[in-house]
Amino acid sequence: MVAAVLLLAGSSARAQQAREFCADRPGRGSPPCVLDAGRFQVEASSVDFTRDRQDGTTTDITLLGDLAFRLGVTGAGEAQLAFSPYVRTRTKDAGGSSHATGYSDLTLVWRQSLRNPDGSGVSIALEPFVTAPTGKRGFGAGGWQGGLTVPMAFPLPGGFGLGVTPQLAAVKNADRGGSHLGATGVVGVSRPLGAFSVGAEFYVNYDDDPSGHVVSKTFDLAGAWLPPGLKDTQFDVGVNAGLDHHAPDYQLYAGVSHRF
């Protein structure tokens, strides 16, 4: 979402050319922009590290090459595929430590623009998704999941941009015996600074698992850089900080996106 605000700085003279570069990275929110038909984009983390301390146990999760593939199919619609090919968990408590490695489930997404597919002005999209249980045992949900995301972006005075991303989903129960409602919401503000863009987000996750519903919140900061000589490449960094004991303590990540 942070990178999406760069679209608002594009001039009308460029509107007839290829759309401004717009990546889903960085940030938790989804931008409503859609790739030009026939364009392909790869987005990947170089490193993604999360630390979560709960009741005397510390869990570290490391993702390498967390991948998303995007393909513009129509002028207002694109297909996406996302998964993590390498996930490493390390758990440490008073009794010692252990670790495991695996790979994640596979998520398929369709993004359909309802207004301004280039992401300019007020832009809205619908994003139904489904997650297939392809992950290694212990690293996936253990069953099919799916839902709907509604990415929205609004220009604000002073060159700022507002992003809002609500989501509802059917989430697999912790005991894998059924599904329950899960909901997330992201509200973010971002601003371009030349070739850079910076932003902040507030993230809320509601999980109504039968074992007990949980609400967790984080405050997130991110930055993106579009090198002047590389109009189809973006580099990003970010940090997500937990605001309660249900959320991980922090997450650090860095990545790159490239459009073909």
C-alpha atoms as a PDB file:
ATOM      1  CA  MET A   1       0.000   0.000   0.000  1.00  0.00           C
ATOM      2  CA  VAL A   2       2.879   2.381   0.726  1.00  0.00           C
ATOM      3  CA  ALA A   3       4.111   2.142  -2.848  1.00  0.00           C
ATOM      4  CA  ALA A   4       0.611   2.640  -4.250  1.00  0.00           C
ATOM      5  CA  VAL A   5       0.573   6.305  -3.231  1.00  0.00           C
ATOM      6  CA  LEU A   6       3.237   6.972  -5.854  1.00  0.00           C
ATOM      7  CA  LEU A   7       0.456   6.589  -8.397  1.00  0.00           C
ATOM      8  CA  LEU A   8      -1.169   9.769  -7.136  1.00  0.00           C
ATOM      9  CA  ALA A   9       1.885  11.763  -8.177  1.00  0.00           C
ATOM     10  CA  GLY A  10       1.675  10.676 -11.822  1.00  0.00           C
ATOM     11  CA  SER A  11       0.787  13.432 -14.328  1.00  0.00           C
ATOM     12  CA  SER A  12      -2.145  13.219 -16.723  1.00  0.00           C
ATOM     13  CA  ALA A  13       0.312  13.351 -19.613  1.00  0.00           C
ATOM     14  CA  ARG A  14       1.544   9.896 -18.639  1.00  0.00           C
ATOM     15  CA  ALA A  15      -1.938   8.425 -18.292  1.00  0.00           C
ATOM     16  CA  GLN A  16      -1.935   7.180 -21.881  1.00  0.00           C
ATOM     17  CA  GLN A  17       1.321   5.320 -21.325  1.00  0.00           C
ATOM     18  CA  ALA A  18       1.906   2.233 -19.201  1.00  0.00           C
ATOM     19  CA  ARG A  19       0.425   2.589 -15.741  1.00  0.00           C
ATOM     20  CA  GLU A  20       2.567   3.839 -12.899  1.00  0.00           C
ATOM     21  CA  PHE A  21       4.471   1.152 -11.036  1.00  0.00           C
ATOM     22  CA  CYS A  22       2.366  -0.236  -8.190  1.00  0.00           C
ATOM     23  CA  ALA A  23       3.417  -3.079  -5.920  1.00  0.00           C
ATOM     24  CA  ASP A  24       1.520  -4.869  -3.167  1.00  0.00           C
ATOM     25  CA  ARG A  25       4.688  -4.541  -1.100  1.00  0.00           C
ATOM     26  CA  PRO A  26       5.387  -3.143   1.416  1.00  0.00           C
ATOM     27  CA  GLY A  27       2.740  -3.038   4.142  1.00  0.00           C
ATOM     28  CA  ARG A  28      -0.156  -5.276   5.137  1.00  0.00           C
ATOM     29  CA  GLY A  29      -2.807  -3.425   3.149  1.00  0.00           C
ATOM     30  CA  SER A  30      -3.567  -4.248  -0.488  1.00  0.00           C
ATOM     31  CA  PRO A  31      -3.532  -1.510  -3.133  1.00  0.00           C
ATOM     32  CA  PRO A  32      -6.508  -1.380  -5.550  1.00  0.00           C
ATOM     33  CA  CYS A  33      -4.325  -0.864  -8.630  1.00  0.00           C
ATOM     34  CA  VAL A  34      -4.330  -3.456 -11.435  1.00  0.00           C
ATOM     35  CA  LEU A  35      -1.483  -4.315 -13.816  1.00  0.00           C
ATOM     36  CA  ASP A  36      -1.851  -3.482 -17.505  1.00  0.00           C
ATOM     37  CA  ALA A  37      -3.135  -6.462 -19.480  1.00  0.00           C
ATOM     38  CA  GLY A  38      -0.221  -8.679 -20.434  1.00  0.00           C
ATOM     39  CA  ARG A  39       2.194  -7.286 -17.828  1.00  0.00           C
ATOM     40  CA  PHE A  40       3.780  -9.626 -15.301  1.00  0.00           C
ATOM     41  CA  GLN A  41       5.174  -8.686 -11.905  1.00  0.00           C
ATOM     42  CA  VAL A  42       7.192 -10.599  -9.295  1.00  0.00           C
ATOM     43  CA  GLU A  43       7.365  -9.467  -5.673  1.00  0.00           C
ATOM     44  CA  ALA A  44       9.636 -11.183  -3.160  1.00  0.00           C
ATOM     45  CA  SER A  45      11.089 -10.720   0.292  1.00  0.00           C
ATOM     46  CA  SER A  46      14.835 -11.074   0.633  1.00  0.00           C
ATOM     47  CA  VAL A  47      14.301 -11.705   4.339  1.00  0.00           C
ATOM     48  CA  ASP A  48      11.295 -11.663   6.668  1.00  0.00           C
ATOM     49  CA  PHE A  49      11.829 -12.219  10.395  1.00  0.00           C
ATOM     50  CA  THR A  50       9.165 -12.362  13.138  1.00  0.00           C
ATOM     51  CA  ARG A  51       9.675 -12.750  16.895  1.00  0.00           C
ATOM     52  CA  ASP A  52       6.794 -13.714  19.195  1.00  0.00           C
ATOM     53  CA  ARG A  53       7.172 -14.160  22.959  1.00  0.00           C
ATOM     54  CA  GLN A  54       4.225 -15.826  24.713  1.00  0.00           C
ATOM     55  CA  ASP A  55       4.082 -17.279  28.235  1.00  0.00           C
ATOM     56  CA  GLY A  56       7.811 -17.935  28.531  1.00  0.00           C
ATOM     57  CA  THR A  57       8.192 -19.288  25.003  1.00  0.00           C
ATOM     58  CA  THR A  58       9.979 -17.398  22.230  1.00  0.00           C
ATOM     59  CA  THR A  59       9.133 -18.282  18.635  1.00  0.00           C
ATOM     60  CA  ASP A  60      11.191 -16.929  15.740  1.00  0.00           C
ATOM     61  CA  ILE A  61       9.879 -17.304  12.185  1.00  0.00           C
ATOM     62  CA  THR A  62      12.118 -16.637   9.181  1.00  0.00           C
ATOM     63  CA  LEU A  63      10.854 -16.512   5.590  1.00  0.00           C
ATOM     64  CA  LEU A  64      13.231 -16.408   2.625  1.00  0.00           C
ATOM     65  CA  GLY A  65      11.910 -15.566  -0.820  1.00  0.00           C
ATOM     66  CA  ASP A  66       8.289 -15.010   0.224  1.00  0.00           C
ATOM     67  CA  LEU A  67       6.843 -14.787  -3.301  1.00  0.00           C
ATOM     68  CA  ALA A  68       3.907 -13.190  -5.101  1.00  0.00           C
ATOM     69  CA  PHE A  69       3.309 -13.414  -8.856  1.00  0.00           C
ATOM     70  CA  ARG A  70       0.902 -10.994 -10.551  1.00  0.00           C
ATOM     71  CA  LEU A  71      -0.416 -11.085 -14.126  1.00  0.00           C
ATOM     72  CA  GLY A  72      -2.557  -8.424 -15.790  1.00  0.00           C
ATOM     73  CA  VAL A  73      -5.378 -10.308 -17.547  1.00  0.00           C
ATOM     74  CA  THR A  74      -7.762  -7.532 -18.568  1.00  0.00           C
ATOM     75  CA  GLY A  75      -7.682  -3.773 -18.301  1.00  0.00           C
ATOM     76  CA  ALA A  76      -9.464  -4.021 -14.963  1.00  0.00           C
ATOM     77  CA  GLY A  77      -8.507  -7.447 -13.643  1.00  0.00           C
ATOM     78  CA  GLU A  78      -5.399  -9.365 -12.626  1.00  0.00           C
ATOM     79  CA  ALA A  79      -4.560 -12.803 -11.257  1.00  0.00           C
ATOM     80  CA  GLN A  80      -2.161 -13.423  -8.386  1.00  0.00           C
ATOM     81  CA  LEU A  81      -0.400 -16.414  -6.856  1.00  0.00           C
ATOM     82  CA  ALA A  82       1.464 -16.238  -3.530  1.00  0.00           C
ATOM     83  CA  PHE A  83       3.396 -18.679  -1.343  1.00  0.00           C
ATOM     84  CA  SER A  84       6.490 -18.990   0.835  1.00  0.00           C
ATOM     85  CA  PRO A  85       8.906 -21.653  -0.436  1.00  0.00           C
ATOM     86  CA  TYR A  86      11.092 -21.582   2.700  1.00  0.00           C
ATOM     87  CA  VAL A  87       9.882 -21.084   6.260  1.00  0.00           C
ATOM     88  CA  ARG A  88      11.996 -21.760   9.345  1.00  0.00           C
ATOM     89  CA  THR A  89      10.627 -21.742  12.878  1.00  0.00           C
ATOM     90  CA  ARG A  90      12.721 -21.796  16.046  1.00  0.00           C
ATOM     91  CA  THR A  91      11.085 -22.246  19.432  1.00  0.00           C
ATOM     92  CA  LYS A  92      12.882 -21.689  22.730  1.00  0.00           C
ATOM     93  CA  ASP A  93      11.627 -22.140  26.304  1.00  0.00           C
ATOM     94  CA  ALA A  94      12.968 -23.209  29.682  1.00  0.00           C
ATOM     95  CA  GLY A  95      13.293 -26.778  28.471  1.00  0.00           C
ATOM     96  CA  GLY A  96      15.529 -25.950  25.501  1.00  0.00           C
ATOM     97  CA  SER A  97      15.013 -25.109  21.846  1.00  0.00           C
ATOM     98  CA  SER A  98      13.876 -26.761  18.636  1.00  0.00           C
ATOM     99  CA  HIS A  99      13.505 -25.779  15.012  1.00  0.00           C
ATOM    100  CA  ALA A 100      11.733 -26.922  11.864  1.00  0.00           C
ATOM    101  CA  THR A 101      11.654 -25.931   8.207  1.00  0.00           C
ATOM    102  CA  GLY A 102       8.905 -26.150   5.611  1.00  0.00           C
ATOM    103  CA  TYR A 103       6.849 -24.258   3.078  1.00  0.00           C
ATOM    104  CA  SER A 104       3.509 -22.490   3.134  1.00  0.00           C
ATOM    105  CA  ASP A 105       0.062 -22.968   1.630  1.00  0.00           C
ATOM    106  CA  LEU A 106      -0.656 -21.570  -1.838  1.00  0.00           C
ATOM    107  CA  THR A 107      -2.963 -18.559  -2.196  1.00  0.00           C
ATOM    108  CA  LEU A 108      -4.769 -17.684  -5.444  1.00  0.00           C
ATOM    109  CA  VAL A 109      -6.242 -14.195  -5.863  1.00  0.00           C
ATOM    110  CA  TRP A 110      -8.297 -12.305  -8.427  1.00  0.00           C
ATOM    111  CA  ARG A 111      -8.287  -8.497  -8.216  1.00  0.00           C
ATOM    112  CA  GLN A 112     -11.120  -6.751 -10.038  1.00  0.00           C
ATOM    113  CA  SER A 113     -11.067  -2.967 -10.193  1.00  0.00           C
ATOM    114  CA  LEU A 114     -14.370  -1.179  -9.643  1.00  0.00           C
ATOM    115  CA  ARG A 115     -12.976   2.325 -10.065  1.00  0.00           C
ATOM    116  CA  ASN A 116      -9.696   3.661 -11.509  1.00  0.00           C
ATOM    117  CA  PRO A 117      -7.692   0.469 -12.152  1.00  0.00           C
ATOM    118  CA  ASP A 118      -4.512   2.548 -12.474  1.00  0.00           C
ATOM    119  CA  GLY A 119      -4.871   3.437  -8.787  1.00  0.00           C
ATOM    120  CA  SER A 120      -5.282   7.176  -9.357  1.00  0.00           C
ATOM    121  CA  GLY A 121      -7.793   9.323  -7.490  1.00  0.00           C
ATOM    122  CA  VAL A 122     -10.413   7.364  -5.570  1.00  0.00           C
ATOM    123  CA  SER A 123      -9.678   3.743  -6.428  1.00  0.00           C
ATOM    124  CA  ILE A 124     -11.608   0.645  -5.303  1.00  0.00           C
ATOM    125  CA  ALA A 125     -11.267  -3.055  -6.093  1.00  0.00           C
ATOM    126  CA  LEU A 126     -12.700  -6.423  -5.067  1.00  0.00           C
ATOM    127  CA  GLU A 127     -10.262  -9.222  -4.279  1.00  0.00           C
ATOM    128  CA  PRO A 128     -11.692 -12.712  -3.727  1.00  0.00           C
ATOM    129  CA  PHE A 129      -9.075 -15.287  -2.728  1.00  0.00           C
ATOM    130  CA  VAL A 130      -8.708 -18.947  -1.883  1.00  0.00           C
ATOM    131  CA  THR A 131      -5.858 -20.708  -0.068  1.00  0.00           C
ATOM    132  CA  ALA A 132      -5.091 -24.320  -0.952  1.00  0.00           C
ATOM    133  CA  PRO A 133      -3.671 -26.615   1.780  1.00  0.00           C
ATOM    134  CA  THR A 134      -0.372 -27.301   0.021  1.00  0.00           C
ATOM    135  CA  GLY A 135       1.914 -26.377   2.923  1.00  0.00           C
ATOM    136  CA  LYS A 136       4.069 -28.835   4.791  1.00  0.00           C
ATOM    137  CA  ARG A 137       2.369 -30.160   7.920  1.00  0.00           C
ATOM    138  CA  GLY A 138       2.830 -27.641  10.709  1.00  0.00           C
ATOM    139  CA  PHE A 139       3.351 -24.793   8.258  1.00  0.00           C
ATOM    140  CA  GLY A 140      -0.088 -24.634   6.642  1.00  0.00           C
ATOM    141  CA  ALA A 141      -3.638 -24.194   7.874  1.00  0.00           C
ATOM    142  CA  GLY A 142      -4.496 -27.838   7.281  1.00  0.00           C
ATOM    143  CA  GLY A 143      -7.482 -27.135   5.051  1.00  0.00           C
ATOM    144  CA  TRP A 144      -9.013 -24.845   2.462  1.00  0.00           C
ATOM    145  CA  GLN A 145      -9.543 -21.194   3.335  1.00  0.00           C
ATOM    146  CA  GLY A 146     -10.945 -18.249   1.420  1.00  0.00           C
ATOM    147  CA  GLY A 147     -12.484 -14.833   1.634  1.00  0.00           C
ATOM    148  CA  LEU A 148     -12.866 -11.366   0.196  1.00  0.00           C
ATOM    149  CA  THR A 149     -10.650  -8.290   0.475  1.00  0.00           C
ATOM    150  CA  VAL A 150     -11.786  -4.801  -0.592  1.00  0.00           C
ATOM    151  CA  PRO A 151      -8.756  -2.569  -1.244  1.00  0.00           C
ATOM    152  CA  MET A 152      -9.509   1.170  -1.355  1.00  0.00           C
ATOM    153  CA  ALA A 153      -7.305   4.228  -1.848  1.00  0.00           C
ATOM    154  CA  PHE A 154      -8.128   7.913  -1.467  1.00  0.00           C
ATOM    155  CA  PRO A 155      -6.012  11.007  -2.207  1.00  0.00           C
ATOM    156  CA  LEU A 156      -5.541  13.435   0.700  1.00  0.00           C
ATOM    157  CA  PRO A 157      -4.361  17.054   0.795  1.00  0.00           C
ATOM    158  CA  GLY A 158      -0.633  17.716   0.848  1.00  0.00           C
ATOM    159  CA  GLY A 159       0.273  14.796  -1.392  1.00  0.00           C
ATOM    160  CA  PHE A 160      -0.736  12.179   1.181  1.00  0.00           C
ATOM    161  CA  GLY A 161      -2.709   9.052   0.363  1.00  0.00           C
ATOM    162  CA  LEU A 162      -5.119   7.043   2.498  1.00  0.00           C
ATOM    163  CA  GLY A 163      -5.444   3.293   2.113  1.00  0.00           C
ATOM    164  CA  VAL A 164      -8.186   1.154   3.679  1.00  0.00           C
ATOM    165  CA  THR A 165      -8.254  -2.649   3.375  1.00  0.00           C
ATOM    166  CA  PRO A 166     -11.017  -4.630   5.101  1.00  0.00           C
ATOM    167  CA  GLN A 167     -11.101  -8.418   4.757  1.00  0.00           C
ATOM    168  CA  LEU A 168     -13.472 -11.230   5.748  1.00  0.00           C
ATOM    169  CA  ALA A 169     -12.436 -14.872   5.510  1.00  0.00           C
ATOM    170  CA  ALA A 170     -13.359 -18.428   6.390  1.00  0.00           C
ATOM    171  CA  VAL A 171     -10.396 -19.573   8.494  1.00  0.00           C
ATOM    172  CA  LYS A 172      -9.516 -23.133   9.455  1.00  0.00           C
ATOM    173  CA  ASN A 173     -10.023 -23.959  13.135  1.00  0.00           C
ATOM    174  CA  ALA A 174      -6.908 -24.463  15.232  1.00  0.00           C
ATOM    175  CA  ASP A 175      -7.903 -28.113  15.760  1.00  0.00           C
ATOM    176  CA  ARG A 176      -8.518 -28.409  11.978  1.00  0.00           C
ATOM    177  CA  GLY A 177     -12.031 -29.706  12.627  1.00  0.00           C
ATOM    178  CA  GLY A 178     -13.913 -26.969  10.793  1.00  0.00           C
ATOM    179  CA  SER A 179     -13.807 -23.284   9.904  1.00  0.00           C
ATOM    180  CA  HIS A 180     -14.655 -20.009  11.578  1.00  0.00           C
ATOM    181  CA  LEU A 181     -14.855 -16.309  10.802  1.00  0.00           C
ATOM    182  CA  GLY A 182     -11.706 -14.260  10.560  1.00  0.00           C
ATOM    183  CA  ALA A 183     -11.550 -10.548   9.846  1.00  0.00           C
ATOM    184  CA  THR A 184      -8.758  -8.044   9.369  1.00  0.00           C
ATOM    185  CA  GLY A 185      -8.632  -4.317   8.815  1.00  0.00           C
ATOM    186  CA  VAL A 186      -5.803  -2.053   7.714  1.00  0.00           C
ATOM    187  CA  VAL A 187      -5.814   1.750   7.669  1.00  0.00           C
ATOM    188  CA  GLY A 188      -2.696   3.458   6.363  1.00  0.00           C
ATOM    189  CA  VAL A 189      -1.383   6.872   5.394  1.00  0.00           C
ATOM    190  CA  SER A 190       1.541   7.295   3.022  1.00  0.00           C
ATOM    191  CA  ARG A 191       3.327   9.998   1.062  1.00  0.00           C
ATOM    192  CA  PRO A 192       5.805  10.099  -1.838  1.00  0.00           C
ATOM    193  CA  LEU A 193       9.116  11.884  -1.295  1.00  0.00           C
ATOM    194  CA  GLY A 194      10.695  12.029  -4.737  1.00  0.00           C
ATOM    195  CA  ALA A 195      11.772   8.497  -5.622  1.00  0.00           C
ATOM    196  CA  PHE A 196      10.870   7.357  -2.114  1.00  0.00           C
ATOM    197  CA  SER A 197       7.577   6.664  -0.379  1.00  0.00           C
ATOM    198  CA  VAL A 198       6.989   6.296   3.354  1.00  0.00           C
ATOM    199  CA  GLY A 199       3.918   5.229   5.242  1.00  0.00           C
ATOM    200  CA  ALA A 200       2.360   4.057   8.484  1.00  0.00           C
ATOM    201  CA  GLU A 201      -0.448   1.552   9.031  1.00  0.00           C
ATOM    202  CA  PHE A 202      -2.669   0.370  11.866  1.00  0.00           C
ATOM    203  CA  TYR A 203      -3.576  -3.318  11.559  1.00  0.00           C
ATOM    204  CA  VAL A 204      -6.281  -5.244  13.451  1.00  0.00           C
ATOM    205  CA  ASN A 205      -6.914  -8.988  13.248  1.00  0.00           C
ATOM    206  CA  TYR A 206     -10.025 -10.682  14.696  1.00  0.00           C
ATOM    207  CA  ASP A 207      -9.939 -14.473  14.951  1.00  0.00           C
ATOM    208  CA  ASP A 208     -13.132 -16.151  16.192  1.00  0.00           C
ATOM    209  CA  ASP A 209     -11.672 -19.620  16.727  1.00  0.00           C
ATOM    210  CA  PRO A 210     -13.923 -21.957  18.811  1.00  0.00           C
ATOM    211  CA  SER A 211     -11.088 -22.294  21.336  1.00  0.00           C
ATOM    212  CA  GLY A 212     -11.455 -18.570  22.069  1.00  0.00           C
ATOM    213  CA  HIS A 213     -11.659 -15.415  20.010  1.00  0.00           C
ATOM    214  CA  VAL A 214      -8.543 -13.254  19.802  1.00  0.00           C
ATOM    215  CA  VAL A 215      -8.045  -9.657  18.720  1.00  0.00           C
ATOM    216  CA  SER A 216      -4.500  -8.547  17.903  1.00  0.00           C
ATOM    217  CA  LYS A 217      -3.181  -5.177  16.737  1.00  0.00           C
ATOM    218  CA  THR A 218       0.051  -3.841  15.268  1.00  0.00           C
ATOM    219  CA  PHE A 219       1.495  -0.480  14.256  1.00  0.00           C
ATOM    220  CA  ASP A 220       3.531  -0.726  11.060  1.00  0.00           C
ATOM    221  CA  LEU A 221       6.079   1.503   9.321  1.00  0.00           C
ATOM    222  CA  ALA A 222       7.401   0.960   5.801  1.00  0.00           C
ATOM    223  CA  GLY A 223       9.376   2.638   3.066  1.00  0.00           C
ATOM    224  CA  ALA A 224       9.831   2.031  -0.656  1.00  0.00           C
ATOM    225  CA  TRP A 225      12.384   3.260  -3.206  1.00  0.00           C
ATOM    226  CA  LEU A 226      11.908   3.406  -6.968  1.00  0.00           C
ATOM    227  CA  PRO A 227      15.407   4.007  -8.401  1.00  0.00           C
ATOM    228  CA  PRO A 228      15.224   6.776 -11.053  1.00  0.00           C
ATOM    229  CA  GLY A 229      16.896   4.606 -13.687  1.00  0.00           C
ATOM    230  CA  LEU A 230      14.801   1.524 -12.958  1.00  0.00           C
ATOM    231  CA  LYS A 231      11.174   2.464 -13.561  1.00  0.00           C
ATOM    232  CA  ASP A 232      10.013  -1.161 -13.224  1.00  0.00           C
ATOM    233  CA  THR A 233      11.843  -2.033  -9.994  1.00  0.00           C
ATOM    234  CA  GLN A 234      11.132  -1.183  -6.367  1.00  0.00           C
ATOM    235  CA  PHE A 235      13.023  -1.939  -3.141  1.00  0.00           C
ATOM    236  CA  ASP A 236      11.312  -1.868   0.253  1.00  0.00           C
ATOM    237  CA  VAL A 237      11.822  -2.257   3.994  1.00  0.00           C
ATOM    238  CA  GLY A 238       9.400  -2.335   6.897  1.00  0.00           C
ATOM    239  CA  VAL A 239       8.782  -3.072  10.553  1.00  0.00           C
ATOM    240  CA  ASN A 240       5.553  -4.217  12.238  1.00  0.00           C
ATOM    241  CA  ALA A 241       5.327  -3.674  15.998  1.00  0.00           C
ATOM    242  CA  GLY A 242       2.882  -5.584  18.192  1.00  0.00           C
ATOM    243  CA  LEU A 243       0.526  -3.472  20.303  1.00  0.00           C
ATOM    244  CA  ASP A 244      -0.789  -6.241  22.575  1.00  0.00           C
ATOM    245  CA  HIS A 245       0.236  -9.631  23.933  1.00  0.00           C
ATOM    246  CA  HIS A 246      -1.694 -11.484  21.216  1.00  0.00           C
ATOM    247  CA  ALA A 247       0.388  -9.961  18.395  1.00  0.00           C
ATOM    248  CA  PRO A 248       4.006 -10.910  17.663  1.00  0.00           C
ATOM    249  CA  ASP A 249       6.518  -8.573  19.313  1.00  0.00           C
ATOM    250  CA  TYR A 250       7.879  -7.414  15.978  1.00  0.00           C
ATOM    251  CA  GLN A 251       8.405  -8.299  12.335  1.00  0.00           C
ATOM    252  CA  LEU A 252      11.253  -7.009  10.159  1.00  0.00           C
ATOM    253  CA  TYR A 253      11.358  -7.420   6.404  1.00  0.00           C
ATOM    254  CA  ALA A 254      12.993  -6.228   3.196  1.00  0.00           C
ATOM    255  CA  GLY A 255      12.169  -7.069  -0.390  1.00  0.00           C
ATOM    256  CA  VAL A 256      12.075  -6.202  -4.065  1.00  0.00           C
ATOM    257  CA  SER A 257       9.417  -6.025  -6.791  1.00  0.00           C
ATOM    258  CA  HIS A 258       9.973  -6.059 -10.557  1.00  0.00           C
ATOM    259  CA  ARG A 259       7.571  -5.592 -13.453  1.00  0.00           C
ATOM    260  CA  PHE A 260       8.189  -7.304 -16.800  1.00  0.00           C
END
